[in-house]
Amino acid sequence: RSLTIDIATEEGQALARRIAAECDIFVENFKVGGLKRY
């Protein structure tokens, strides 16, 4: 199921973390360290 979130925005980052807290597994394929700033 597709959910659009702009993780470049602070509000989008906070929303993404709230969604992730409801998940068991997190899979990403960003460059090494690329998600730390978000």
All heavy atoms as atom14 arrays in JSON, in Angstrom:
{
  "sequence": "RSLTIDIATEEGQALARRIAAECDIFVENFKVGGLKRY",
  "atom14_mask": [
    [1, 1, 1, 1, 1, 1, 1, 1, 1, 1, 1, 0, 0, 0],
    [1, 1, 1, 1, 1, 1, 0, 0, 0, 0, 0, 0, 0, 0],
    [1, 1, 1, 1, 1, 1, 1, 1, 0, 0, 0, 0, 0, 0],
    [1, 1, 1, 1, 1, 1, 1, 0, 0, 0, 0, 0, 0, 0],
    [1, 1, 1, 1, 1, 1, 1, 1, 0, 0, 0, 0, 0, 0],
    [1, 1, 1, 1, 1, 1, 1, 1, 0, 0, 0, 0, 0, 0],
    [1, 1, 1, 1, 1, 1, 1, 1, 0, 0, 0, 0, 0, 0],
    [1, 1, 1, 1, 1, 0, 0, 0, 0, 0, 0, 0, 0, 0],
    [1, 1, 1, 1, 1, 1, 1, 0, 0, 0, 0, 0, 0, 0],
    [1, 1, 1, 1, 1, 1, 1, 1, 1, 0, 0, 0, 0, 0],
    [1, 1, 1, 1, 1, 1, 1, 1, 1, 0, 0, 0, 0, 0],
    [1, 1, 1, 1, 0, 0, 0, 0, 0, 0, 0, 0, 0, 0],
    [1, 1, 1, 1, 1, 1, 1, 1, 1, 0, 0, 0, 0, 0],
    [1, 1, 1, 1, 1, 0, 0, 0, 0, 0, 0, 0, 0, 0],
    [1, 1, 1, 1, 1, 1, 1, 1, 0, 0, 0, 0, 0, 0],
    [1, 1, 1, 1, 1, 0, 0, 0, 0, 0, 0, 0, 0, 0],
    [1, 1, 1, 1, 1, 1, 1, 1, 1, 1, 1, 0, 0, 0],
    [1, 1, 1, 1, 1, 1, 1, 1, 1, 1, 1, 0, 0, 0],
    [1, 1, 1, 1, 1, 1, 1, 1, 0, 0, 0, 0, 0, 0],
    [1, 1, 1, 1, 1, 0, 0, 0, 0, 0, 0, 0, 0, 0],
    [1, 1, 1, 1, 1, 0, 0, 0, 0, 0, 0, 0, 0, 0],
    [1, 1, 1, 1, 1, 1, 1, 1, 1, 0, 0, 0, 0, 0],
    [1, 1, 1, 1, 1, 1, 0, 0, 0, 0, 0, 0, 0, 0],
    [1, 1, 1, 1, 1, 1, 1, 1, 0, 0, 0, 0, 0, 0],
    [1, 1, 1, 1, 1, 1, 1, 1, 0, 0, 0, 0, 0, 0],
    [1, 1, 1, 1, 1, 1, 1, 1, 1, 1, 1, 0, 0, 0],
    [1, 1, 1, 1, 1, 1, 1, 0, 0, 0, 0, 0, 0, 0],
    [1, 1, 1, 1, 1, 1, 1, 1, 1, 0, 0, 0, 0, 0],
    [1, 1, 1, 1, 1, 1, 1, 1, 0, 0, 0, 0, 0, 0],
    [1, 1, 1, 1, 1, 1, 1, 1, 1, 1, 1, 0, 0, 0],
    [1, 1, 1, 1, 1, 1, 1, 1, 1, 0, 0, 0, 0, 0],
    [1, 1, 1, 1, 1, 1, 1, 0, 0, 0, 0, 0, 0, 0],
    [1, 1, 1, 1, 0, 0, 0, 0, 0, 0, 0, 0, 0, 0],
    [1, 1, 1, 1, 0, 0, 0, 0, 0, 0, 0, 0, 0, 0],
    [1, 1, 1, 1, 1, 1, 1, 1, 0, 0, 0, 0, 0, 0],
    [1, 1, 1, 1, 1, 1, 1, 1, 1, 0, 0, 0, 0, 0],
    [1, 1, 1, 1, 1, 1, 1, 1, 1, 1, 1, 0, 0, 0],
    [1, 1, 1, 1, 1, 1, 1, 1, 1, 1, 1, 1, 0, 0]
  ],
  "atom14_positions": [
    [[0.86, -1.18, 0.0], [0.0, 0.0, 0.0], [0.9, 1.23, 0.0], [1.88, 1.29, 0.75], [-0.93, 0.0, 1.21], [-1.93, -1.14, 1.19], [-2.99, -0.98, 2.28], [-2.46, -1.28, 3.61], [-3.15, -1.07, 4.74], [-4.37, -0.54, 4.69], [-2.62, -1.38, 5.92], [0.0, 0.0, 0.0], [0.0, 0.0, 0.0], [0.0, 0.0, 0.0]],
    [[0.58, 2.2, -0.84], [1.45, 3.36, -1.03], [0.98, 4.55, -0.19], [-0.18, 4.96, -0.25], [1.49, 3.77, -2.51], [2.23, 4.97, -2.68], [0.0, 0.0, 0.0], [0.0, 0.0, 0.0], [0.0, 0.0, 0.0], [0.0, 0.0, 0.0], [0.0, 0.0, 0.0], [0.0, 0.0, 0.0], [0.0, 0.0, 0.0], [0.0, 0.0, 0.0]],
    [[1.94, 5.09, 0.55], [1.73, 6.29, 1.37], [2.79, 7.31, 1.0], [3.99, 7.01, 1.07], [1.83, 5.93, 2.86], [1.97, 7.07, 3.88], [0.75, 7.98, 3.84], [2.17, 6.5, 5.28], [0.0, 0.0, 0.0], [0.0, 0.0, 0.0], [0.0, 0.0, 0.0], [0.0, 0.0, 0.0], [0.0, 0.0, 0.0], [0.0, 0.0, 0.0]],
    [[2.39, 8.5, 0.57], [3.37, 9.53, 0.21], [3.72, 10.36, 1.44], [2.83, 10.85, 2.15], [2.85, 10.45, -0.9], [1.57, 10.95, -0.54], [2.75, 9.7, -2.23], [0.0, 0.0, 0.0], [0.0, 0.0, 0.0], [0.0, 0.0, 0.0], [0.0, 0.0, 0.0], [0.0, 0.0, 0.0], [0.0, 0.0, 0.0], [0.0, 0.0, 0.0]],
    [[5.02, 10.49, 1.7], [5.54, 11.33, 2.78], [6.79, 12.03, 2.26], [7.67, 11.38, 1.7], [5.91, 10.52, 4.04], [4.7, 9.76, 4.59], [6.48, 11.44, 5.11], [5.02, 8.94, 5.84], [0.0, 0.0, 0.0], [0.0, 0.0, 0.0], [0.0, 0.0, 0.0], [0.0, 0.0, 0.0], [0.0, 0.0, 0.0], [0.0, 0.0, 0.0]],
    [[6.88, 13.32, 2.47], [8.09, 14.07, 2.12], [9.01, 14.08, 3.32], [8.85, 14.89, 4.25], [7.73, 15.5, 1.71], [8.94, 16.25, 1.16], [10.07, 15.7, 1.23], [8.77, 17.37, 0.66], [0.0, 0.0, 0.0], [0.0, 0.0, 0.0], [0.0, 0.0, 0.0], [0.0, 0.0, 0.0], [0.0, 0.0, 0.0], [0.0, 0.0, 0.0]],
    [[9.98, 13.18, 3.32], [10.87, 13.07, 4.48], [11.91, 14.18, 4.52], [12.7, 14.26, 5.47], [11.58, 11.69, 4.53], [12.49, 11.5, 3.3], [10.56, 10.56, 4.64], [13.38, 10.27, 3.39], [0.0, 0.0, 0.0], [0.0, 0.0, 0.0], [0.0, 0.0, 0.0], [0.0, 0.0, 0.0], [0.0, 0.0, 0.0], [0.0, 0.0, 0.0]],
    [[11.9, 15.07, 3.52], [12.78, 16.23, 3.57], [12.22, 17.32, 4.47], [12.93, 18.28, 4.8], [13.0, 16.79, 2.16], [0.0, 0.0, 0.0], [0.0, 0.0, 0.0], [0.0, 0.0, 0.0], [0.0, 0.0, 0.0], [0.0, 0.0, 0.0], [0.0, 0.0, 0.0], [0.0, 0.0, 0.0], [0.0, 0.0, 0.0], [0.0, 0.0, 0.0]],
    [[10.96, 17.21, 4.87], [10.36, 18.19, 5.77], [10.34, 17.65, 7.2], [10.24, 16.43, 7.42], [8.92, 18.51, 5.35], [8.09, 17.35, 5.56], [8.86, 18.92, 3.87], [0.0, 0.0, 0.0], [0.0, 0.0, 0.0], [0.0, 0.0, 0.0], [0.0, 0.0, 0.0], [0.0, 0.0, 0.0], [0.0, 0.0, 0.0], [0.0, 0.0, 0.0]],
    [[10.42, 18.55, 8.17], [10.4, 18.12, 9.58], [9.09, 17.42, 9.92], [9.07, 16.42, 10.63], [10.63, 19.31, 10.5], [12.04, 19.87, 10.45], [12.26, 20.95, 11.51], [11.37, 21.14, 12.36], [13.33, 21.58, 11.47], [0.0, 0.0, 0.0], [0.0, 0.0, 0.0], [0.0, 0.0, 0.0], [0.0, 0.0, 0.0], [0.0, 0.0, 0.0]],
    [[8.0, 17.94, 9.38], [6.7, 17.34, 9.67], [6.61, 15.95, 9.03], [6.07, 15.02, 9.64], [5.59, 18.24, 9.15], [4.22, 17.9, 9.71], [3.2, 19.0, 9.5], [3.3, 19.71, 8.48], [2.31, 19.13, 10.35], [0.0, 0.0, 0.0], [0.0, 0.0, 0.0], [0.0, 0.0, 0.0], [0.0, 0.0, 0.0], [0.0, 0.0, 0.0]],
    [[7.16, 15.81, 7.84], [7.18, 14.51, 7.2], [8.05, 13.52, 7.95], [7.69, 12.34, 8.08], [0.0, 0.0, 0.0], [0.0, 0.0, 0.0], [0.0, 0.0, 0.0], [0.0, 0.0, 0.0], [0.0, 0.0, 0.0], [0.0, 0.0, 0.0], [0.0, 0.0, 0.0], [0.0, 0.0, 0.0], [0.0, 0.0, 0.0], [0.0, 0.0, 0.0]],
    [[9.18, 13.97, 8.46], [10.06, 13.1, 9.24], [9.36, 12.61, 10.51], [9.43, 11.42, 10.86], [11.34, 13.85, 9.6], [12.21, 14.18, 8.4], [13.2, 15.29, 8.68], [13.53, 15.59, 9.83], [13.69, 15.92, 7.61], [0.0, 0.0, 0.0], [0.0, 0.0, 0.0], [0.0, 0.0, 0.0], [0.0, 0.0, 0.0], [0.0, 0.0, 0.0]],
    [[8.69, 13.53, 11.2], [7.98, 13.15, 12.42], [6.87, 12.15, 12.11], [6.67, 11.17, 12.85], [7.41, 14.4, 13.09], [0.0, 0.0, 0.0], [0.0, 0.0, 0.0], [0.0, 0.0, 0.0], [0.0, 0.0, 0.0], [0.0, 0.0, 0.0], [0.0, 0.0, 0.0], [0.0, 0.0, 0.0], [0.0, 0.0, 0.0], [0.0, 0.0, 0.0]],
    [[6.18, 12.38, 11.01], [5.12, 11.47, 10.61], [5.68, 10.09, 10.27], [5.12, 9.06, 10.66], [4.38, 12.05, 9.41], [3.15, 11.3, 8.91], [2.07, 11.29, 9.98], [2.63, 11.93, 7.62], [0.0, 0.0, 0.0], [0.0, 0.0, 0.0], [0.0, 0.0, 0.0], [0.0, 0.0, 0.0], [0.0, 0.0, 0.0], [0.0, 0.0, 0.0]],
    [[6.82, 10.06, 9.56], [7.45, 8.79, 9.21], [7.85, 8.01, 10.45], [7.68, 6.78, 10.52], [8.67, 9.04, 8.32], [0.0, 0.0, 0.0], [0.0, 0.0, 0.0], [0.0, 0.0, 0.0], [0.0, 0.0, 0.0], [0.0, 0.0, 0.0], [0.0, 0.0, 0.0], [0.0, 0.0, 0.0], [0.0, 0.0, 0.0], [0.0, 0.0, 0.0]],
    [[8.37, 8.69, 11.46], [8.76, 7.99, 12.69], [7.53, 7.43, 13.4], [7.58, 6.34, 13.98], [9.54, 8.94, 13.61], [10.98, 9.16, 13.17], [11.8, 9.9, 14.22], [11.38, 11.3, 14.33], [11.87, 12.3, 13.61], [12.79, 12.04, 12.68], [11.45, 13.53, 13.78], [0.0, 0.0, 0.0], [0.0, 0.0, 0.0], [0.0, 0.0, 0.0]],
    [[6.43, 8.17, 13.38], [5.21, 7.66, 14.0], [4.71, 6.4, 13.29], [4.27, 5.45, 13.93], [4.12, 8.74, 14.0], [4.4, 9.91, 14.91], [3.29, 10.95, 14.81], [2.0, 10.43, 15.31], [0.84, 11.07, 15.18], [0.8, 12.24, 14.56], [-0.28, 10.52, 15.66], [0.0, 0.0, 0.0], [0.0, 0.0, 0.0], [0.0, 0.0, 0.0]],
    [[4.78, 6.42, 11.95], [4.38, 5.22, 11.2], [5.33, 4.07, 11.49], [4.9, 2.92, 11.71], [4.36, 5.51, 9.69], [3.31, 6.57, 9.34], [4.11, 4.23, 8.89], [1.89, 6.14, 9.49], [0.0, 0.0, 0.0], [0.0, 0.0, 0.0], [0.0, 0.0, 0.0], [0.0, 0.0, 0.0], [0.0, 0.0, 0.0], [0.0, 0.0, 0.0]],
    [[6.64, 4.34, 11.53], [7.63, 3.29, 11.78], [7.43, 2.65, 13.14], [7.67, 1.44, 13.32], [9.04, 3.86, 11.67], [0.0, 0.0, 0.0], [0.0, 0.0, 0.0], [0.0, 0.0, 0.0], [0.0, 0.0, 0.0], [0.0, 0.0, 0.0], [0.0, 0.0, 0.0], [0.0, 0.0, 0.0], [0.0, 0.0, 0.0], [0.0, 0.0, 0.0]],
    [[6.97, 3.43, 14.11], [6.73, 2.89, 15.46], [5.61, 1.86, 15.46], [5.5, 1.05, 16.4], [6.41, 4.03, 16.43], [0.0, 0.0, 0.0], [0.0, 0.0, 0.0], [0.0, 0.0, 0.0], [0.0, 0.0, 0.0], [0.0, 0.0, 0.0], [0.0, 0.0, 0.0], [0.0, 0.0, 0.0], [0.0, 0.0, 0.0], [0.0, 0.0, 0.0]],
    [[4.78, 1.87, 14.41], [3.69, 0.91, 14.29], [4.09, -0.31, 13.45], [3.24, -1.14, 13.14], [2.47, 1.58, 13.67], [1.94, 2.78, 14.44], [1.47, 2.39, 15.82], [0.84, 1.32, 15.96], [1.73, 3.15, 16.78], [0.0, 0.0, 0.0], [0.0, 0.0, 0.0], [0.0, 0.0, 0.0], [0.0, 0.0, 0.0], [0.0, 0.0, 0.0]],
    [[5.35, -0.38, 13.05], [5.82, -1.45, 12.16], [6.77, -2.39, 12.88], [7.39, -2.04, 13.89], [6.51, -0.83, 10.94], [5.41, 0.16, 9.9], [0.0, 0.0, 0.0], [0.0, 0.0, 0.0], [0.0, 0.0, 0.0], [0.0, 0.0, 0.0], [0.0, 0.0, 0.0], [0.0, 0.0, 0.0], [0.0, 0.0, 0.0], [0.0, 0.0, 0.0]],
    [[6.92, -3.58, 12.34], [7.84, -4.59, 12.87], [9.17, -4.58, 12.14], [10.21, -4.92, 12.73], [7.22, -5.99, 12.72], [5.89, -6.1, 13.43], [5.9, -6.3, 14.65], [4.85, -5.97, 12.76], [0.0, 0.0, 0.0], [0.0, 0.0, 0.0], [0.0, 0.0, 0.0], [0.0, 0.0, 0.0], [0.0, 0.0, 0.0], [0.0, 0.0, 0.0]],
    [[9.13, -4.23, 10.87], [10.3, -4.34, 9.99], [10.44, -3.03, 9.23], [9.45, -2.46, 8.77], [10.12, -5.51, 9.0], [9.98, -6.84, 9.75], [11.28, -5.58, 8.01], [9.34, -7.95, 8.92], [0.0, 0.0, 0.0], [0.0, 0.0, 0.0], [0.0, 0.0, 0.0], [0.0, 0.0, 0.0], [0.0, 0.0, 0.0], [0.0, 0.0, 0.0]],
    [[11.67, -2.56, 9.11], [11.98, -1.32, 8.38], [13.02, -1.69, 7.33], [14.07, -2.21, 7.65], [12.56, -0.29, 9.36], [12.71, 1.12, 8.86], [12.0, 2.15, 9.44], [13.59, 1.43, 7.83], [12.14, 3.46, 9.02], [13.75, 2.73, 7.39], [13.02, 3.76, 7.99], [0.0, 0.0, 0.0], [0.0, 0.0, 0.0], [0.0, 0.0, 0.0]],
    [[12.72, -1.44, 6.05], [13.65, -1.76, 4.97], [13.93, -0.48, 4.19], [13.01, 0.22, 3.78], [13.09, -2.84, 4.02], [14.16, -3.27, 3.02], [12.58, -4.05, 4.8], [0.0, 0.0, 0.0], [0.0, 0.0, 0.0], [0.0, 0.0, 0.0], [0.0, 0.0, 0.0], [0.0, 0.0, 0.0], [0.0, 0.0, 0.0], [0.0, 0.0, 0.0]],
    [[15.22, -0.18, 4.0], [15.61, 1.03, 3.26], [16.81, 0.74, 2.38], [17.61, -0.15, 2.68], [15.9, 2.18, 4.23], [17.02, 1.93, 5.25], [18.4, 2.35, 4.77], [18.52, 2.96, 3.68], [19.37, 2.05, 5.48], [0.0, 0.0, 0.0], [0.0, 0.0, 0.0], [0.0, 0.0, 0.0], [0.0, 0.0, 0.0], [0.0, 0.0, 0.0]],
    [[16.94, 1.51, 1.28], [18.12, 1.34, 0.42], [18.7, 2.69, 0.01], [19.06, 2.9, -1.13], [17.79, 0.46, -0.79], [16.72, 1.04, -1.71], [16.04, 1.99, -1.35], [16.57, 0.45, -2.88], [0.0, 0.0, 0.0], [0.0, 0.0, 0.0], [0.0, 0.0, 0.0], [0.0, 0.0, 0.0], [0.0, 0.0, 0.0], [0.0, 0.0, 0.0]],
    [[18.82, 3.58, 1.01], [19.49, 4.85, 0.8], [21.01, 4.66, 0.92], [21.49, 3.65, 1.45], [19.02, 5.88, 1.83], [17.68, 6.48, 1.51], [16.52, 5.71, 1.5], [17.56, 7.83, 1.21], [15.29, 6.26, 1.2], [16.33, 8.4, 0.9], [15.2, 7.61, 0.9], [0.0, 0.0, 0.0], [0.0, 0.0, 0.0], [0.0, 0.0, 0.0]],
    [[21.77, 5.64, 0.42], [23.22, 5.59, 0.6], [23.57, 5.55, 2.08], [22.8, 6.04, 2.92], [23.87, 6.8, -0.08], [23.86, 6.76, -1.6], [24.49, 8.01, -2.2], [25.97, 8.1, -1.85], [26.62, 9.27, -2.53], [0.0, 0.0, 0.0], [0.0, 0.0, 0.0], [0.0, 0.0, 0.0], [0.0, 0.0, 0.0], [0.0, 0.0, 0.0]],
    [[24.74, 5.01, 2.39], [25.18, 4.9, 3.78], [25.12, 6.27, 4.45], [25.67, 7.25, 3.94], [26.6, 4.32, 3.85], [27.14, 4.41, 5.27], [26.61, 2.88, 3.36], [0.0, 0.0, 0.0], [0.0, 0.0, 0.0], [0.0, 0.0, 0.0], [0.0, 0.0, 0.0], [0.0, 0.0, 0.0], [0.0, 0.0, 0.0], [0.0, 0.0, 0.0]],
    [[24.44, 6.34, 5.56], [24.32, 7.6, 6.32], [23.28, 8.56, 5.78], [23.02, 9.6, 6.39], [0.0, 0.0, 0.0], [0.0, 0.0, 0.0], [0.0, 0.0, 0.0], [0.0, 0.0, 0.0], [0.0, 0.0, 0.0], [0.0, 0.0, 0.0], [0.0, 0.0, 0.0], [0.0, 0.0, 0.0], [0.0, 0.0, 0.0], [0.0, 0.0, 0.0]],
    [[22.63, 8.21, 4.66], [21.72, 9.14, 4.01], [20.47, 9.45, 4.81], [19.88, 10.53, 4.65], [0.0, 0.0, 0.0], [0.0, 0.0, 0.0], [0.0, 0.0, 0.0], [0.0, 0.0, 0.0], [0.0, 0.0, 0.0], [0.0, 0.0, 0.0], [0.0, 0.0, 0.0], [0.0, 0.0, 0.0], [0.0, 0.0, 0.0], [0.0, 0.0, 0.0]],
    [[20.04, 8.54, 5.67], [18.81, 8.76, 6.42], [19.05, 9.39, 7.79], [18.08, 9.78, 8.46], [18.06, 7.43, 6.6], [17.4, 6.88, 5.33], [16.74, 5.53, 5.61], [16.37, 7.86, 4.78], [0.0, 0.0, 0.0], [0.0, 0.0, 0.0], [0.0, 0.0, 0.0], [0.0, 0.0, 0.0], [0.0, 0.0, 0.0], [0.0, 0.0, 0.0]],
    [[20.29, 9.51, 8.19], [20.59, 10.08, 9.51], [20.08, 11.51, 9.61], [19.52, 11.91, 10.64], [22.09, 10.02, 9.78], [22.47, 10.45, 11.19], [23.95, 10.23, 11.44], [24.33, 10.63, 12.86], [23.64, 9.81, 13.88], [0.0, 0.0, 0.0], [0.0, 0.0, 0.0], [0.0, 0.0, 0.0], [0.0, 0.0, 0.0], [0.0, 0.0, 0.0]],
    [[20.26, 12.29, 8.55], [19.85, 13.7, 8.6], [18.34, 13.86, 8.67], [17.83, 14.92, 9.02], [20.4, 14.46, 7.41], [19.95, 13.94, 6.05], [20.48, 14.79, 4.93], [20.24, 14.21, 3.63], [20.28, 14.91, 2.49], [20.57, 16.2, 2.52], [20.06, 14.31, 1.35], [0.0, 0.0, 0.0], [0.0, 0.0, 0.0], [0.0, 0.0, 0.0]],
    [[17.6, 12.8, 8.34], [16.15, 12.84, 8.43], [15.62, 12.22, 9.73], [14.41, 12.17, 9.94], [15.53, 12.1, 7.25], [15.94, 12.6, 5.9], [16.49, 11.74, 4.95], [15.78, 13.95, 5.55], [16.85, 12.2, 3.69], [16.15, 14.41, 4.3], [16.69, 13.53, 3.37], [17.05, 14.0, 2.13], [0.0, 0.0, 0.0], [0.0, 0.0, 0.0]]
  ]
}
